[in-house]
């Protein structure tokens, strides 16, 4: 659940209306420091597009792809041949959070959600970093490089693809409701 909340939050920030973004792509380094100063570092690449699509591709220290759309999160873990599909159960308005971010000093913005404060730093009018305390009081910082904004992205890339022999875990309330939501029955 920790990674799900983190990814959902990070996905939210990437669509900062600070620049009226329609898409965002970048390499990232994500560090998570706990209260004992132990730090975990992840590296990867993100591609995101409005209204609510994103792929977080983790490359180091393990490979993992996280696909986010407006109704679910799909986590593909090749090393253990597993897929986890979770329903997004929040009425959280991603874009309203960013639109309501307040500039506290030049190129530094603060946004709040569920008691957490997100610090967004811009460099050369691009999102350079995002920093916040997660629900476990870990200090999370994501640094972006090679940022590209507002490119046209084919939404088909946001459809999760994985081998049929992977174990699939549906962290959902029922398979019939999945089918109904997919096909809007």
Protein backbone atom coordinates (compact mmCIF):
# COMPACT_ATOMS: atom_id res chain seq x y z
CA UNK A 1 0.00 0.00 0.00
CA UNK A 2 2.94 2.29 0.73
CA UNK A 3 4.26 2.10 -2.84
CA UNK A 4 0.72 2.49 -4.24
CA UNK A 5 0.16 5.70 -2.27
CA UNK A 6 3.60 6.97 -3.19
CA UNK A 7 3.12 6.33 -6.90
CA UNK A 8 -0.34 7.80 -6.94
CA UNK A 9 0.95 10.90 -5.19
CA UNK A 10 3.96 11.24 -7.49
CA UNK A 11 1.77 10.77 -10.51
CA UNK A 12 -0.40 13.56 -9.20
CA UNK A 13 2.45 15.98 -8.88
CA UNK A 14 3.79 15.32 -12.36
CA UNK A 15 0.77 16.93 -13.89
CA UNK A 16 1.49 20.26 -12.28
CA UNK A 17 -0.74 22.85 -13.88
CA UNK A 18 2.09 25.15 -12.91
CA UNK A 19 2.90 24.92 -16.62
CA UNK A 20 -0.46 23.70 -17.93
CA UNK A 21 1.08 20.34 -18.67
CA UNK A 22 -0.65 17.90 -20.97
CA UNK A 23 2.16 15.34 -20.74
CA UNK A 24 5.40 14.80 -18.85
CA UNK A 25 8.32 12.47 -19.48
CA UNK A 26 11.58 12.23 -17.54
CA UNK A 27 14.19 10.02 -15.95
CA UNK A 28 13.97 9.99 -12.16
CA UNK A 29 15.92 9.15 -9.04
CA UNK A 30 13.67 8.53 -6.05
CA UNK A 31 15.16 8.40 -2.56
CA UNK A 32 13.25 7.37 0.53
CA UNK A 33 14.92 8.10 3.88
CA UNK A 34 13.46 6.62 7.07
CA UNK A 35 13.67 7.94 10.63
CA UNK A 36 16.95 6.00 11.16
CA UNK A 37 18.54 7.77 8.17
CA UNK A 38 18.47 4.56 6.10
CA UNK A 39 17.95 5.52 2.46
CA UNK A 40 16.53 3.45 -0.39
CA UNK A 41 17.25 4.73 -3.90
CA UNK A 42 15.27 3.82 -7.02
CA UNK A 43 15.98 4.88 -10.60
CA UNK A 44 13.76 4.80 -13.62
CA UNK A 45 11.68 6.61 -16.21
CA UNK A 46 8.20 8.11 -16.17
CA UNK A 47 5.79 8.86 -19.00
CA UNK A 48 2.52 10.56 -18.09
CA UNK A 49 -0.38 12.12 -19.96
CA UNK A 50 -3.65 13.80 -19.04
CA UNK A 51 -6.23 13.04 -17.89
CA UNK A 52 -4.87 10.27 -15.64
CA UNK A 53 -2.32 8.06 -17.36
CA UNK A 54 1.21 7.23 -16.24
CA UNK A 55 3.90 4.58 -16.46
CA UNK A 56 6.58 4.50 -13.78
CA UNK A 57 9.29 2.16 -15.09
CA UNK A 58 11.71 1.29 -12.30
CA UNK A 59 15.08 0.08 -13.60
CA UNK A 60 17.23 -0.04 -10.42
CA UNK A 61 17.63 -1.73 -8.00
CA UNK A 62 14.90 -3.98 -9.41
CA UNK A 63 12.77 -3.83 -12.54
CA UNK A 64 9.13 -2.99 -12.05
CA UNK A 65 6.52 -1.21 -14.18
CA UNK A 66 3.59 0.63 -12.65
CA UNK A 67 0.73 1.61 -14.95
CA UNK A 68 -1.80 4.13 -13.67
CA UNK A 69 -5.06 5.08 -15.32
CA UNK A 70 -8.22 6.72 -14.06
CA UNK A 71 -9.59 3.56 -12.46
CA UNK A 72 -6.67 1.27 -11.58
CA UNK A 73 -2.99 0.73 -10.88
CA UNK A 74 -1.25 -2.28 -12.43
CA UNK A 75 2.13 -3.29 -10.99
CA UNK A 76 4.22 -5.69 -13.08
CA UNK A 77 7.16 -7.36 -11.31
CA UNK A 78 9.15 -9.50 -13.81
CA UNK A 79 11.60 -10.87 -11.21
CA UNK A 80 8.80 -12.68 -9.39
CA UNK A 81 6.55 -13.06 -12.46
CA UNK A 82 3.68 -11.29 -10.73
CA UNK A 83 1.08 -8.67 -11.61
CA UNK A 84 -0.95 -6.78 -9.01
CA UNK A 85 -4.05 -4.87 -10.12
CA UNK A 86 -5.56 -2.40 -7.64
CA UNK A 87 -8.61 -0.24 -7.93
CA UNK A 88 -8.17 3.47 -7.31
CA UNK A 89 -10.77 4.18 -4.66
CA UNK A 90 -10.21 7.88 -4.10
CA UNK A 91 -12.25 10.86 -5.18
CA UNK A 92 -9.01 12.80 -5.08
CA UNK A 93 -8.82 15.49 -7.75
CA UNK A 94 -5.22 15.32 -8.93
CA UNK A 95 -5.27 18.51 -10.90
CA UNK A 96 -7.01 20.58 -8.25
CA UNK A 97 -4.17 19.80 -5.84
CA UNK A 98 -1.62 21.15 -8.28
CA UNK A 99 -3.75 24.10 -9.32
CA UNK A 100 -3.99 25.03 -5.65
CA UNK A 101 -0.21 24.81 -5.08
CA UNK A 102 1.07 28.07 -3.67
CA UNK A 103 4.37 29.64 -4.61
CA UNK A 104 6.28 30.24 -1.38
CA UNK A 105 9.41 31.59 -3.03
CA UNK A 106 10.69 31.87 -6.58
CA UNK A 107 10.29 28.46 -8.27
CA UNK A 108 9.27 26.70 -5.03
CA UNK A 109 5.65 25.62 -4.58
CA UNK A 110 3.76 23.91 -1.76
CA UNK A 111 0.71 21.70 -2.24
CA UNK A 112 -1.26 19.90 0.49
CA UNK A 113 -3.20 16.65 0.46
CA UNK A 114 -4.48 14.56 3.41
CA UNK A 115 -2.19 16.26 5.88
CA UNK A 116 0.92 15.86 3.72
CA UNK A 117 2.82 18.82 2.32
CA UNK A 118 4.45 18.47 -1.09
CA UNK A 119 7.32 20.75 -2.03
CA UNK A 120 7.70 21.20 -5.79
CA UNK A 121 10.84 22.81 -7.18
CA UNK A 122 11.11 24.19 -10.70
CA UNK A 123 14.33 24.78 -12.62
CA UNK A 124 14.19 26.48 -16.02
CA UNK A 125 10.37 26.22 -15.86
CA UNK A 126 10.51 22.42 -15.57
CA UNK A 127 9.63 20.25 -12.57
CA UNK A 128 13.04 19.50 -11.09
CA UNK A 129 12.07 17.76 -7.86
CA UNK A 130 9.26 16.80 -5.52
CA UNK A 131 9.75 16.25 -1.81
CA UNK A 132 7.35 15.20 0.96
CA UNK A 133 6.87 13.04 4.05
CA UNK A 134 4.88 9.89 3.30
CA UNK A 135 2.32 8.30 5.64
CA UNK A 136 5.15 6.49 7.47
CA UNK A 137 7.11 9.73 8.06
CA UNK A 138 9.72 8.75 5.47
CA UNK A 139 11.31 11.67 3.64
CA UNK A 140 10.67 11.08 -0.07
CA UNK A 141 12.49 13.03 -2.75
CA UNK A 142 12.23 12.55 -6.51
CA UNK A 143 14.72 14.27 -8.80
CA UNK A 144 13.85 14.52 -12.49
CA UNK A 145 16.25 14.81 -15.43
CA UNK A 146 15.79 14.89 -19.21
CA UNK A 147 12.29 16.33 -18.76
CA UNK A 148 10.06 16.67 -21.82
CA UNK A 149 6.70 18.40 -21.53
CA UNK A 150 3.57 18.57 -23.68
CA UNK A 151 4.55 16.04 -26.32
CA UNK A 152 1.85 14.01 -28.05
CA UNK A 153 1.65 10.55 -26.48
CA UNK A 154 -0.36 7.64 -27.85
CA UNK A 155 -2.56 6.52 -24.93
CA UNK A 156 -2.19 2.89 -26.03
CA UNK A 157 1.22 2.80 -24.33
CA UNK A 158 -0.58 3.07 -20.98
CA UNK A 159 -2.20 -0.36 -21.39
CA UNK A 160 -0.31 -2.82 -19.20
CA UNK A 161 1.22 -5.73 -21.09
CA UNK A 162 2.59 -8.82 -19.37
CA UNK A 163 3.09 -12.53 -20.10
CA UNK A 164 -0.02 -14.64 -19.63
CA UNK A 165 1.82 -17.07 -17.35
CA UNK A 166 2.47 -14.41 -14.66
CA UNK A 167 0.51 -14.71 -11.42
CA UNK A 168 -2.20 -12.05 -11.36
CA UNK A 169 -3.42 -10.71 -8.04
CA UNK A 170 -6.54 -8.59 -8.16
CA UNK A 171 -6.69 -6.44 -5.08
CA UNK A 172 -10.26 -5.61 -5.93
CA UNK A 173 -13.69 -6.09 -4.50
CA UNK A 174 -14.83 -8.55 -7.19
CA UNK A 175 -13.97 -9.66 -10.71
CA UNK A 176 -17.50 -8.93 -11.95
CA UNK A 177 -17.14 -5.30 -10.88
CA UNK A 178 -13.87 -5.10 -12.82
CA UNK A 179 -15.60 -6.29 -15.95
CA UNK A 180 -18.46 -3.83 -15.38
CA UNK A 181 -16.08 -0.92 -14.90
CA UNK A 182 -14.00 -1.84 -17.96
CA UNK A 183 -16.98 -2.21 -20.25
CA UNK A 184 -19.19 0.29 -18.39
CA UNK A 185 -22.01 -2.28 -18.13
